Amino acid sequence: NGMSKKLRKNVNRAMNLLNDYQQDKYDKVQRKEDLIDKYESRLGEYLIQLTKREMNSAQTRQTSLYLHTINDFERIGDHAHMSNEMHDNHTNFSQEAWDELNVVMEAVREDINITCNAFMKDDKEMAQRVAPLGAVITGLCDVLKMRHAERLSQGKCGLEEGTVFSDILNSFCRIATHCASAMVALMKSGETGS
């Protein structure tokens, strides 16, 4: 649960940096990402040790869920670097591109919130909302990449900005994929005979 809370807060911090980059805040994101990596490592080691002990089927399912989920959570956290590329390249987006990114960011925030809350509450009904929202995020990112291509062809933006824009959208899609993966594991964790 602690890893989940820190992950949610850190990805939100990273997305905030897209609109308002500050080096000290980016450094904090990096420190928290390192902490999330340590969570994954230590929890993973502990869970592997548990698998060597005799467990009933419910305990085995729970351990499997946690192993799967900490991996997805760590990989979501890896996308907290999205603002650094933009800052390092001094990338500026058009207002239209910002408006589009902000819409997707809100959907990603919601996806992460639902994922973390469903995990912490072991709420399988809430977990069922994640994959459809992830599909919306992926579809929206695809549309925005096409819109970017149109702006590029019209000379409204440059190739460098487009690369960064696409990288950010790809990060959003991957976050949605890992959220969905974690929730599939959560929903399966209650099944018997799995």
N, C-alpha and C. Protein backbone atom coordinates (compact mmCIF):
# COMPACT_ATOMS: atom_id res chain seq x y z
N ASN A 1 0.83 -1.20 0.00
CA ASN A 1 0.00 0.00 0.00
C ASN A 1 0.87 1.26 0.00
N GLY A 2 1.95 1.22 0.76
CA GLY A 2 2.86 2.36 0.79
C GLY A 2 3.47 2.62 -0.57
N MET A 3 3.85 1.55 -1.25
CA MET A 3 4.42 1.68 -2.60
C MET A 3 3.39 2.29 -3.54
N SER A 4 2.16 1.83 -3.43
CA SER A 4 1.08 2.33 -4.27
C SER A 4 0.87 3.83 -4.06
N LYS A 5 0.83 4.26 -2.81
CA LYS A 5 0.61 5.68 -2.51
C LYS A 5 1.76 6.54 -3.03
N LYS A 6 2.98 6.07 -2.82
CA LYS A 6 4.15 6.84 -3.27
C LYS A 6 4.20 6.91 -4.80
N LEU A 7 3.84 5.82 -5.44
CA LEU A 7 3.81 5.78 -6.89
C LEU A 7 2.81 6.80 -7.44
N ARG A 8 1.61 6.77 -6.91
CA ARG A 8 0.57 7.70 -7.38
C ARG A 8 1.03 9.15 -7.22
N LYS A 9 1.55 9.46 -6.05
CA LYS A 9 1.99 10.83 -5.78
C LYS A 9 3.15 11.23 -6.70
N ASN A 10 4.07 10.30 -6.94
CA ASN A 10 5.23 10.64 -7.75
C ASN A 10 4.90 10.83 -9.22
N VAL A 11 4.03 10.00 -9.76
CA VAL A 11 3.64 10.18 -11.16
C VAL A 11 2.86 11.49 -11.31
N ASN A 12 2.04 11.82 -10.34
CA ASN A 12 1.34 13.11 -10.38
C ASN A 12 2.34 14.27 -10.35
N ARG A 13 3.36 14.16 -9.49
CA ARG A 13 4.41 15.19 -9.45
C ARG A 13 5.07 15.32 -10.83
N ALA A 14 5.39 14.19 -11.43
CA ALA A 14 6.08 14.19 -12.73
C ALA A 14 5.20 14.85 -13.79
N MET A 15 3.92 14.56 -13.78
CA MET A 15 3.03 15.17 -14.78
C MET A 15 2.91 16.67 -14.53
N ASN A 16 2.90 17.09 -13.27
CA ASN A 16 2.86 18.52 -12.97
C ASN A 16 4.08 19.24 -13.52
N LEU A 17 5.21 18.55 -13.54
CA LEU A 17 6.44 19.14 -14.05
C LEU A 17 6.38 19.40 -15.56
N LEU A 18 5.53 18.69 -16.26
CA LEU A 18 5.39 18.95 -17.69
C LEU A 18 4.93 20.39 -17.93
N ASN A 19 4.00 20.85 -17.10
CA ASN A 19 3.47 22.20 -17.24
C ASN A 19 4.34 23.25 -16.55
N ASP A 20 5.06 22.84 -15.51
CA ASP A 20 5.84 23.80 -14.72
C ASP A 20 7.09 23.12 -14.20
N TYR A 21 8.12 23.06 -15.04
CA TYR A 21 9.35 22.36 -14.67
C TYR A 21 10.15 23.17 -13.67
N GLN A 22 10.55 22.49 -12.58
CA GLN A 22 11.43 23.07 -11.58
C GLN A 22 12.43 21.99 -11.20
N GLN A 23 13.70 22.30 -11.29
CA GLN A 23 14.74 21.30 -11.08
C GLN A 23 14.65 20.64 -9.71
N ASP A 24 14.38 21.42 -8.66
CA ASP A 24 14.31 20.83 -7.32
C ASP A 24 13.16 19.84 -7.22
N LYS A 25 12.06 20.13 -7.90
CA LYS A 25 10.93 19.20 -7.89
C LYS A 25 11.23 17.96 -8.72
N TYR A 26 11.96 18.15 -9.83
CA TYR A 26 12.37 16.99 -10.61
C TYR A 26 13.31 16.11 -9.80
N ASP A 27 14.23 16.73 -9.06
CA ASP A 27 15.15 15.96 -8.21
C ASP A 27 14.37 15.15 -7.17
N LYS A 28 13.30 15.73 -6.65
CA LYS A 28 12.46 15.01 -5.68
C LYS A 28 11.79 13.81 -6.35
N VAL A 29 11.31 14.00 -7.58
CA VAL A 29 10.71 12.90 -8.33
C VAL A 29 11.73 11.77 -8.48
N GLN A 30 12.97 12.13 -8.79
CA GLN A 30 14.03 11.13 -8.95
C GLN A 30 14.28 10.37 -7.64
N ARG A 31 14.35 11.11 -6.54
CA ARG A 31 14.58 10.46 -5.23
C ARG A 31 13.45 9.50 -4.90
N LYS A 32 12.23 9.93 -5.17
CA LYS A 32 11.06 9.07 -4.88
C LYS A 32 11.03 7.87 -5.81
N GLU A 33 11.46 8.05 -7.05
CA GLU A 33 11.53 6.91 -7.99
C GLU A 33 12.55 5.89 -7.49
N ASP A 34 13.67 6.38 -6.97
CA ASP A 34 14.67 5.47 -6.38
C ASP A 34 14.06 4.71 -5.20
N LEU A 35 13.25 5.38 -4.40
CA LEU A 35 12.59 4.74 -3.26
C LEU A 35 11.60 3.67 -3.75
N ILE A 36 10.84 3.98 -4.79
CA ILE A 36 9.90 3.02 -5.36
C ILE A 36 10.65 1.79 -5.88
N ASP A 37 11.80 2.01 -6.50
CA ASP A 37 12.63 0.89 -6.96
C ASP A 37 13.06 0.02 -5.78
N LYS A 38 13.40 0.65 -4.65
CA LYS A 38 13.80 -0.11 -3.46
C LYS A 38 12.62 -0.90 -2.91
N TYR A 39 11.44 -0.30 -2.93
CA TYR A 39 10.24 -1.03 -2.51
C TYR A 39 10.11 -2.30 -3.33
N GLU A 40 10.22 -2.15 -4.65
CA GLU A 40 10.05 -3.33 -5.51
C GLU A 40 11.10 -4.39 -5.19
N SER A 41 12.32 -3.97 -5.02
CA SER A 41 13.40 -4.91 -4.75
C SER A 41 13.20 -5.64 -3.42
N ARG A 42 12.93 -4.88 -2.38
CA ARG A 42 12.79 -5.49 -1.05
C ARG A 42 11.51 -6.32 -0.92
N LEU A 43 10.42 -5.78 -1.45
CA LEU A 43 9.17 -6.55 -1.40
C LEU A 43 9.30 -7.82 -2.25
N GLY A 44 9.93 -7.68 -3.40
CA GLY A 44 10.13 -8.84 -4.28
C GLY A 44 10.95 -9.91 -3.60
N GLU A 45 12.05 -9.52 -2.95
CA GLU A 45 12.89 -10.48 -2.24
C GLU A 45 12.11 -11.18 -1.13
N TYR A 46 11.32 -10.41 -0.40
CA TYR A 46 10.51 -10.97 0.68
C TYR A 46 9.48 -11.97 0.12
N LEU A 47 8.81 -11.57 -0.93
CA LEU A 47 7.78 -12.44 -1.52
C LEU A 47 8.39 -13.72 -2.09
N ILE A 48 9.55 -13.62 -2.69
CA ILE A 48 10.23 -14.82 -3.20
C ILE A 48 10.56 -15.76 -2.05
N GLN A 49 10.99 -15.20 -0.93
CA GLN A 49 11.26 -16.04 0.25
C GLN A 49 9.98 -16.74 0.72
N LEU A 50 8.86 -16.02 0.66
CA LEU A 50 7.57 -16.62 1.05
C LEU A 50 7.21 -17.80 0.16
N THR A 51 7.51 -17.68 -1.14
CA THR A 51 7.14 -18.76 -2.06
C THR A 51 7.87 -20.06 -1.75
N LYS A 52 8.94 -19.97 -1.00
CA LYS A 52 9.71 -21.17 -0.64
C LYS A 52 9.11 -21.88 0.57
N ARG A 53 8.13 -21.27 1.16
CA ARG A 53 7.45 -21.86 2.33
C ARG A 53 6.14 -22.51 1.89
N GLU A 54 5.65 -23.36 2.73
CA GLU A 54 4.37 -24.00 2.43
C GLU A 54 3.26 -22.98 2.65
N MET A 55 2.40 -22.86 1.63
CA MET A 55 1.28 -21.93 1.71
C MET A 55 0.03 -22.61 1.18
N ASN A 56 -1.13 -22.15 1.68
CA ASN A 56 -2.38 -22.65 1.12
C ASN A 56 -2.65 -21.93 -0.20
N SER A 57 -3.68 -22.33 -0.91
CA SER A 57 -3.92 -21.78 -2.25
C SER A 57 -4.24 -20.29 -2.21
N ALA A 58 -4.94 -19.83 -1.18
CA ALA A 58 -5.25 -18.40 -1.07
C ALA A 58 -3.98 -17.59 -0.86
N GLN A 59 -3.08 -18.09 -0.03
CA GLN A 59 -1.81 -17.40 0.22
C GLN A 59 -0.95 -17.38 -1.05
N THR A 60 -0.98 -18.47 -1.78
CA THR A 60 -0.22 -18.55 -3.03
C THR A 60 -0.75 -17.53 -4.03
N ARG A 61 -2.07 -17.43 -4.15
CA ARG A 61 -2.67 -16.45 -5.06
C ARG A 61 -2.32 -15.02 -4.63
N GLN A 62 -2.37 -14.76 -3.33
CA GLN A 62 -2.06 -13.42 -2.82
C GLN A 62 -0.60 -13.06 -3.09
N THR A 63 0.30 -14.00 -2.85
CA THR A 63 1.72 -13.76 -3.10
C THR A 63 1.96 -13.50 -4.59
N SER A 64 1.30 -14.27 -5.43
CA SER A 64 1.42 -14.09 -6.87
C SER A 64 0.92 -12.70 -7.28
N LEU A 65 -0.22 -12.29 -6.72
CA LEU A 65 -0.77 -10.96 -7.00
C LEU A 65 0.25 -9.89 -6.63
N TYR A 66 0.83 -10.00 -5.45
CA TYR A 66 1.77 -8.97 -5.01
C TYR A 66 3.02 -8.94 -5.88
N LEU A 67 3.53 -10.09 -6.25
CA LEU A 67 4.71 -10.12 -7.13
C LEU A 67 4.40 -9.44 -8.46
N HIS A 68 3.25 -9.75 -9.01
CA HIS A 68 2.84 -9.18 -10.29
C HIS A 68 2.65 -7.66 -10.15
N THR A 69 1.96 -7.25 -9.09
CA THR A 69 1.59 -5.85 -8.92
C THR A 69 2.80 -4.97 -8.64
N ILE A 70 3.72 -5.42 -7.79
CA ILE A 70 4.87 -4.56 -7.52
C ILE A 70 5.70 -4.33 -8.79
N ASN A 71 5.72 -5.33 -9.66
CA ASN A 71 6.42 -5.16 -10.93
C ASN A 71 5.73 -4.10 -11.78
N ASP A 72 4.40 -4.18 -11.89
CA ASP A 72 3.66 -3.17 -12.67
C ASP A 72 3.80 -1.79 -12.04
N PHE A 73 3.72 -1.71 -10.72
CA PHE A 73 3.85 -0.41 -10.05
C PHE A 73 5.23 0.20 -10.30
N GLU A 74 6.26 -0.62 -10.23
CA GLU A 74 7.61 -0.11 -10.46
C GLU A 74 7.74 0.40 -11.90
N ARG A 75 7.16 -0.32 -12.83
CA ARG A 75 7.26 0.07 -14.24
C ARG A 75 6.44 1.33 -14.53
N ILE A 76 5.33 1.52 -13.82
CA ILE A 76 4.59 2.78 -13.94
C ILE A 76 5.49 3.92 -13.46
N GLY A 77 6.14 3.70 -12.33
CA GLY A 77 7.03 4.72 -11.77
C GLY A 77 8.16 5.10 -12.69
N ASP A 78 8.61 4.16 -13.52
CA ASP A 78 9.69 4.44 -14.45
C ASP A 78 9.34 5.58 -15.42
N HIS A 79 8.06 5.82 -15.61
CA HIS A 79 7.64 6.85 -16.55
C HIS A 79 7.60 8.24 -15.92
N ALA A 80 8.11 8.34 -14.69
CA ALA A 80 8.17 9.65 -14.02
C ALA A 80 9.26 10.54 -14.62
N HIS A 81 10.01 10.03 -15.59
CA HIS A 81 11.09 10.80 -16.20
C HIS A 81 10.62 11.64 -17.38
N MET A 82 9.34 11.61 -17.68
CA MET A 82 8.84 12.22 -18.92
C MET A 82 9.13 13.72 -19.03
N SER A 83 9.20 14.42 -17.93
CA SER A 83 9.40 15.88 -18.00
C SER A 83 10.85 16.24 -18.28
N ASN A 84 11.78 15.38 -17.94
CA ASN A 84 13.20 15.72 -18.08
C ASN A 84 13.61 15.88 -19.55
N GLU A 85 13.13 14.99 -20.41
CA GLU A 85 13.46 15.08 -21.83
C GLU A 85 12.97 16.41 -22.40
N MET A 86 11.79 16.79 -21.98
CA MET A 86 11.21 18.04 -22.45
C MET A 86 12.05 19.23 -21.99
N HIS A 87 12.46 19.19 -20.73
CA HIS A 87 13.27 20.28 -20.18
C HIS A 87 14.66 20.32 -20.84
N ASP A 88 15.30 19.15 -20.92
CA ASP A 88 16.66 19.10 -21.48
C ASP A 88 16.72 19.61 -22.92
N ASN A 89 15.67 19.36 -23.68
CA ASN A 89 15.65 19.78 -25.08
C ASN A 89 15.03 21.16 -25.28
N HIS A 90 14.66 21.82 -24.17
CA HIS A 90 14.02 23.15 -24.24
C HIS A 90 12.82 23.12 -25.17
N THR A 91 12.02 22.09 -25.01
CA THR A 91 10.88 21.88 -25.89
C THR A 91 9.70 22.76 -25.47
N ASN A 92 9.09 23.39 -26.44
CA ASN A 92 7.88 24.17 -26.22
C ASN A 92 6.79 23.64 -27.14
N PHE A 93 5.62 23.44 -26.57
CA PHE A 93 4.48 22.97 -27.34
C PHE A 93 3.55 24.12 -27.65
N SER A 94 2.77 23.95 -28.70
CA SER A 94 1.72 24.91 -29.01
C SER A 94 0.63 24.79 -27.94
N GLN A 95 -0.20 25.82 -27.85
CA GLN A 95 -1.30 25.77 -26.88
C GLN A 95 -2.23 24.60 -27.19
N GLU A 96 -2.43 24.34 -28.47
CA GLU A 96 -3.28 23.21 -28.88
C GLU A 96 -2.71 21.88 -28.35
N ALA A 97 -1.39 21.71 -28.49
CA ALA A 97 -0.76 20.48 -28.00
C ALA A 97 -0.87 20.39 -26.48
N TRP A 98 -0.67 21.51 -25.78
CA TRP A 98 -0.81 21.50 -24.32
C TRP A 98 -2.23 21.13 -23.91
N ASP A 99 -3.20 21.71 -24.58
CA ASP A 99 -4.60 21.40 -24.25
C ASP A 99 -4.85 19.90 -24.41
N GLU A 100 -4.33 19.33 -25.48
CA GLU A 100 -4.50 17.89 -25.72
C GLU A 100 -3.80 17.07 -24.63
N LEU A 101 -2.56 17.43 -24.32
CA LEU A 101 -1.82 16.69 -23.28
C LEU A 101 -2.53 16.76 -21.93
N ASN A 102 -3.05 17.94 -21.61
CA ASN A 102 -3.72 18.09 -20.31
C ASN A 102 -4.96 17.21 -20.19
N VAL A 103 -5.68 17.02 -21.29
CA VAL A 103 -6.84 16.13 -21.28
C VAL A 103 -6.40 14.69 -20.98
N VAL A 104 -5.35 14.24 -21.68
CA VAL A 104 -4.86 12.88 -21.47
C VAL A 104 -4.30 12.74 -20.05
N MET A 105 -3.59 13.76 -19.58
CA MET A 105 -3.03 13.69 -18.22
C MET A 105 -4.13 13.47 -17.18
N GLU A 106 -5.24 14.14 -17.35
CA GLU A 106 -6.34 13.97 -16.38
C GLU A 106 -6.86 12.54 -16.41
N ALA A 107 -6.95 11.96 -17.59
CA ALA A 107 -7.39 10.57 -17.71
C ALA A 107 -6.37 9.63 -17.07
N VAL A 108 -5.08 9.90 -17.27
CA VAL A 108 -4.03 9.07 -16.67
C VAL A 108 -4.07 9.20 -15.15
N ARG A 109 -4.26 10.41 -14.64
CA ARG A 109 -4.38 10.60 -13.18
C ARG A 109 -5.53 9.75 -12.63
N GLU A 110 -6.65 9.80 -13.33
CA GLU A 110 -7.82 9.02 -12.89
C GLU A 110 -7.52 7.53 -12.94
N ASP A 111 -6.85 7.08 -13.99
CA ASP A 111 -6.49 5.67 -14.14
C ASP A 111 -5.60 5.21 -12.98
N ILE A 112 -4.61 6.01 -12.65
CA ILE A 112 -3.71 5.67 -11.54
C ILE A 112 -4.46 5.70 -10.21
N ASN A 113 -5.32 6.70 -10.02
CA ASN A 113 -6.10 6.78 -8.77
C ASN A 113 -6.98 5.55 -8.59
N ILE A 114 -7.68 5.17 -9.64
CA ILE A 114 -8.57 4.00 -9.55
C ILE A 114 -7.73 2.75 -9.28
N THR A 115 -6.62 2.61 -9.99
CA THR A 115 -5.75 1.45 -9.82
C THR A 115 -5.26 1.33 -8.38
N CYS A 116 -4.72 2.42 -7.86
CA CYS A 116 -4.17 2.39 -6.50
C CYS A 116 -5.27 2.16 -5.46
N ASN A 117 -6.39 2.83 -5.63
CA ASN A 117 -7.50 2.64 -4.68
C ASN A 117 -8.05 1.21 -4.73
N ALA A 118 -8.21 0.68 -5.92
CA ALA A 118 -8.72 -0.69 -6.06
C ALA A 118 -7.75 -1.68 -5.42
N PHE A 119 -6.47 -1.46 -5.63
CA PHE A 119 -5.47 -2.35 -5.03
C PHE A 119 -5.51 -2.27 -3.50
N MET A 120 -5.48 -1.06 -2.97
CA MET A 120 -5.43 -0.90 -1.51
C MET A 120 -6.70 -1.40 -0.83
N LYS A 121 -7.83 -1.30 -1.52
CA LYS A 121 -9.11 -1.74 -0.94
C LYS A 121 -9.49 -3.15 -1.36
N ASP A 122 -8.64 -3.78 -2.21
CA ASP A 122 -8.94 -5.10 -2.77
C ASP A 122 -10.35 -5.08 -3.38
N ASP A 123 -10.62 -4.04 -4.16
CA ASP A 123 -11.94 -3.80 -4.74
C ASP A 123 -11.95 -4.24 -6.20
N LYS A 124 -12.45 -5.44 -6.43
CA LYS A 124 -12.45 -6.00 -7.78
C LYS A 124 -13.44 -5.28 -8.70
N GLU A 125 -14.51 -4.77 -8.14
CA GLU A 125 -15.48 -4.02 -8.94
C GLU A 125 -14.85 -2.73 -9.46
N MET A 126 -14.13 -2.04 -8.60
CA MET A 126 -13.43 -0.82 -9.02
C MET A 126 -12.35 -1.17 -10.05
N ALA A 127 -11.68 -2.28 -9.85
CA ALA A 127 -10.60 -2.72 -10.75
C ALA A 127 -11.11 -2.91 -12.18
N GLN A 128 -12.38 -3.29 -12.33
CA GLN A 128 -12.94 -3.51 -13.66
C GLN A 128 -13.04 -2.23 -14.48
N ARG A 129 -12.94 -1.08 -13.84
CA ARG A 129 -13.03 0.20 -14.55
C ARG A 129 -11.71 0.60 -15.21
N VAL A 130 -10.61 -0.05 -14.81
CA VAL A 130 -9.29 0.38 -15.26
C VAL A 130 -9.02 0.05 -16.73
N ALA A 131 -9.26 -1.17 -17.15
CA ALA A 131 -8.96 -1.54 -18.54
C ALA A 131 -9.75 -0.69 -19.55
N PRO A 132 -11.06 -0.46 -19.34
CA PRO A 132 -11.77 0.40 -20.30
C PRO A 132 -11.21 1.83 -20.34
N LEU A 133 -10.84 2.37 -19.18
CA LEU A 133 -10.25 3.71 -19.16
C LEU A 133 -8.90 3.69 -19.87
N GLY A 134 -8.13 2.62 -19.69
CA GLY A 134 -6.86 2.48 -20.39
C GLY A 134 -7.05 2.44 -21.89
N ALA A 135 -8.12 1.79 -22.34
CA ALA A 135 -8.40 1.74 -23.78
C ALA A 135 -8.74 3.13 -24.31
N VAL A 136 -9.47 3.90 -23.51
CA VAL A 136 -9.78 5.28 -23.90
C VAL A 136 -8.49 6.11 -23.99
N ILE A 137 -7.61 5.94 -23.00
CA ILE A 137 -6.34 6.67 -23.01
C ILE A 137 -5.53 6.31 -24.25
N THR A 138 -5.42 5.04 -24.55
CA THR A 138 -4.66 4.59 -25.72
C THR A 138 -5.27 5.15 -27.01
N GLY A 139 -6.59 5.08 -27.12
CA GLY A 139 -7.26 5.62 -28.31
C GLY A 139 -7.06 7.12 -28.44
N LEU A 140 -7.13 7.82 -27.32
CA LEU A 140 -6.93 9.26 -27.33
C LEU A 140 -5.50 9.60 -27.74
N CYS A 141 -4.54 8.85 -27.22
CA CYS A 141 -3.13 9.08 -27.60
C CYS A 141 -2.93 8.86 -29.10
N ASP A 142 -3.58 7.85 -29.66
CA ASP A 142 -3.49 7.60 -31.10
C ASP A 142 -4.03 8.78 -31.90
N VAL A 143 -5.17 9.31 -31.45
CA VAL A 143 -5.76 10.47 -32.12
C VAL A 143 -4.82 11.67 -32.03
N LEU A 144 -4.23 11.87 -30.86
CA LEU A 144 -3.35 13.03 -30.67
C LEU A 144 -2.07 12.91 -31.50
N LYS A 145 -1.60 11.69 -31.70
CA LYS A 145 -0.43 11.50 -32.58
C LYS A 145 -0.78 11.88 -34.01
N MET A 146 -1.99 11.56 -34.43
CA MET A 146 -2.43 11.94 -35.78
C MET A 146 -2.57 13.46 -35.89
N ARG A 147 -3.11 14.09 -34.86
CA ARG A 147 -3.23 15.55 -34.86
C ARG A 147 -1.85 16.20 -34.91
N HIS A 148 -0.92 15.60 -34.17
CA HIS A 148 0.45 16.12 -34.21
C HIS A 148 1.02 16.02 -35.63
N ALA A 149 0.78 14.90 -36.29
CA ALA A 149 1.28 14.71 -37.66
C ALA A 149 0.70 15.79 -38.57
N GLU A 150 -0.56 16.14 -38.35
CA GLU A 150 -1.18 17.21 -39.15
C GLU A 150 -0.49 18.55 -38.88
N ARG A 151 -0.23 18.84 -37.59
CA ARG A 151 0.44 20.11 -37.25
C ARG A 151 1.85 20.14 -37.86
N LEU A 152 2.51 19.00 -37.83
CA LEU A 152 3.85 18.90 -38.40
C LEU A 152 3.82 19.18 -39.91
N SER A 153 2.86 18.57 -40.59
CA SER A 153 2.77 18.76 -42.05
C SER A 153 2.39 20.18 -42.41
N GLN A 154 1.73 20.88 -41.49
CA GLN A 154 1.33 22.28 -41.74
C GLN A 154 2.40 23.26 -41.25
N GLY A 155 3.51 22.73 -40.72
CA GLY A 155 4.59 23.59 -40.25
C GLY A 155 4.30 24.30 -38.93
N LYS A 156 3.30 23.81 -38.19
CA LYS A 156 2.93 24.44 -36.93
C LYS A 156 3.80 23.99 -35.76
N CYS A 157 4.59 22.94 -35.99
CA CYS A 157 5.51 22.48 -34.96
C CYS A 157 6.69 21.78 -35.63
N GLY A 158 7.73 21.58 -34.85
CA GLY A 158 8.94 20.98 -35.39
C GLY A 158 9.06 19.51 -35.05
N LEU A 159 10.00 18.87 -35.68
CA LEU A 159 10.23 17.44 -35.47
C LEU A 159 10.63 17.13 -34.02
N GLU A 160 11.49 17.97 -33.45
CA GLU A 160 11.96 17.76 -32.07
C GLU A 160 10.80 17.78 -31.09
N GLU A 161 9.93 18.79 -31.22
CA GLU A 161 8.76 18.87 -30.33
C GLU A 161 7.87 17.65 -30.52
N GLY A 162 7.74 17.24 -31.76
CA GLY A 162 6.89 16.08 -32.06
C GLY A 162 7.42 14.80 -31.44
N THR A 163 8.73 14.65 -31.44
CA THR A 163 9.33 13.46 -30.84
C THR A 163 9.05 13.43 -29.34
N VAL A 164 9.24 14.55 -28.67
CA VAL A 164 8.99 14.63 -27.23
C VAL A 164 7.50 14.41 -26.95
N PHE A 165 6.65 15.04 -27.75
CA PHE A 165 5.19 14.90 -27.61
C PHE A 165 4.81 13.42 -27.72
N SER A 166 5.33 12.75 -28.73
CA SER A 166 5.04 11.32 -28.92
C SER A 166 5.58 10.47 -27.77
N ASP A 167 6.78 10.80 -27.29
CA ASP A 167 7.34 10.06 -26.16
C ASP A 167 6.47 10.18 -24.91
N ILE A 168 5.96 11.38 -24.67
CA ILE A 168 5.07 11.58 -23.51
C ILE A 168 3.79 10.77 -23.69
N LEU A 169 3.21 10.82 -24.88
CA LEU A 169 2.00 10.03 -25.14
C LEU A 169 2.28 8.53 -24.99
N ASN A 170 3.44 8.08 -25.46
CA ASN A 170 3.81 6.66 -25.28
C ASN A 170 3.92 6.30 -23.80
N SER A 171 4.46 7.21 -22.99
CA SER A 171 4.53 6.97 -21.55
C SER A 171 3.13 6.84 -20.96
N PHE A 172 2.22 7.70 -21.39
CA PHE A 172 0.85 7.62 -20.90
C PHE A 172 0.22 6.27 -21.25
N CYS A 173 0.45 5.81 -22.49
CA CYS A 173 -0.10 4.52 -22.91
C CYS A 173 0.49 3.38 -22.08
N ARG A 174 1.77 3.43 -21.82
CA ARG A 174 2.41 2.37 -21.04
C ARG A 174 1.92 2.37 -19.60
N ILE A 175 1.71 3.56 -19.04
CA ILE A 175 1.16 3.64 -17.69
C ILE A 175 -0.21 2.97 -17.67
N ALA A 176 -1.05 3.28 -18.65
CA ALA A 176 -2.39 2.68 -18.72
C ALA A 176 -2.31 1.17 -18.86
N THR A 177 -1.35 0.69 -19.65
CA THR A 177 -1.18 -0.76 -19.82
C THR A 177 -0.79 -1.44 -18.51
N HIS A 178 0.13 -0.83 -17.77
CA HIS A 178 0.55 -1.42 -16.50
C HIS A 178 -0.55 -1.34 -15.45
N CYS A 179 -1.33 -0.28 -15.47
CA CYS A 179 -2.48 -0.19 -14.56
C CYS A 179 -3.45 -1.34 -14.85
N ALA A 180 -3.75 -1.55 -16.13
CA ALA A 180 -4.67 -2.63 -16.51
C ALA A 180 -4.10 -3.99 -16.12
N SER A 181 -2.83 -4.19 -16.33
CA SER A 181 -2.19 -5.46 -15.99
C SER A 181 -2.30 -5.75 -14.49
N ALA A 182 -2.04 -4.73 -13.67
CA ALA A 182 -2.14 -4.90 -12.22
C ALA A 182 -3.57 -5.24 -11.81
N MET A 183 -4.54 -4.64 -12.48
CA MET A 183 -5.94 -4.88 -12.11
C MET A 183 -6.44 -6.24 -12.61
N VAL A 184 -5.91 -6.71 -13.73
CA VAL A 184 -6.24 -8.07 -14.17
C VAL A 184 -5.74 -9.06 -13.12
N ALA A 185 -4.54 -8.83 -12.63
CA ALA A 185 -3.99 -9.71 -11.58
C ALA A 185 -4.85 -9.64 -10.32
N LEU A 186 -5.32 -8.46 -9.97
CA LEU A 186 -6.18 -8.31 -8.79
C LEU A 186 -7.47 -9.08 -8.97
N MET A 187 -8.09 -8.96 -10.14
CA MET A 187 -9.36 -9.65 -10.39
C MET A 187 -9.17 -11.16 -10.39
N LYS A 188 -8.05 -11.65 -10.91
CA LYS A 188 -7.80 -13.09 -10.93
C LYS A 188 -7.41 -13.64 -9.56
N SER A 189 -6.95 -12.76 -8.67
CA SER A 189 -6.45 -13.23 -7.37
C SER A 189 -7.53 -13.87 -6.52
N GLY A 190 -8.78 -13.57 -6.80
CA GLY A 190 -9.86 -14.14 -6.02
C GLY A 190 -10.42 -15.43 -6.62
N GLU A 191 -9.94 -15.77 -7.83
CA GLU A 191 -10.45 -16.97 -8.49
C GLU A 191 -9.85 -18.22 -7.85
N THR A 192 -10.65 -19.21 -7.72
CA THR A 192 -10.13 -20.49 -7.21
C THR A 192 -9.69 -21.35 -8.36
N GLY A 193 -8.67 -22.11 -8.11
CA GLY A 193 -8.18 -23.02 -9.14
C GLY A 193 -7.40 -22.33 -10.24
N SER A 194 -6.91 -21.08 -9.97
CA SER A 194 -6.14 -20.38 -11.00
C SER A 194 -4.67 -20.45 -10.72
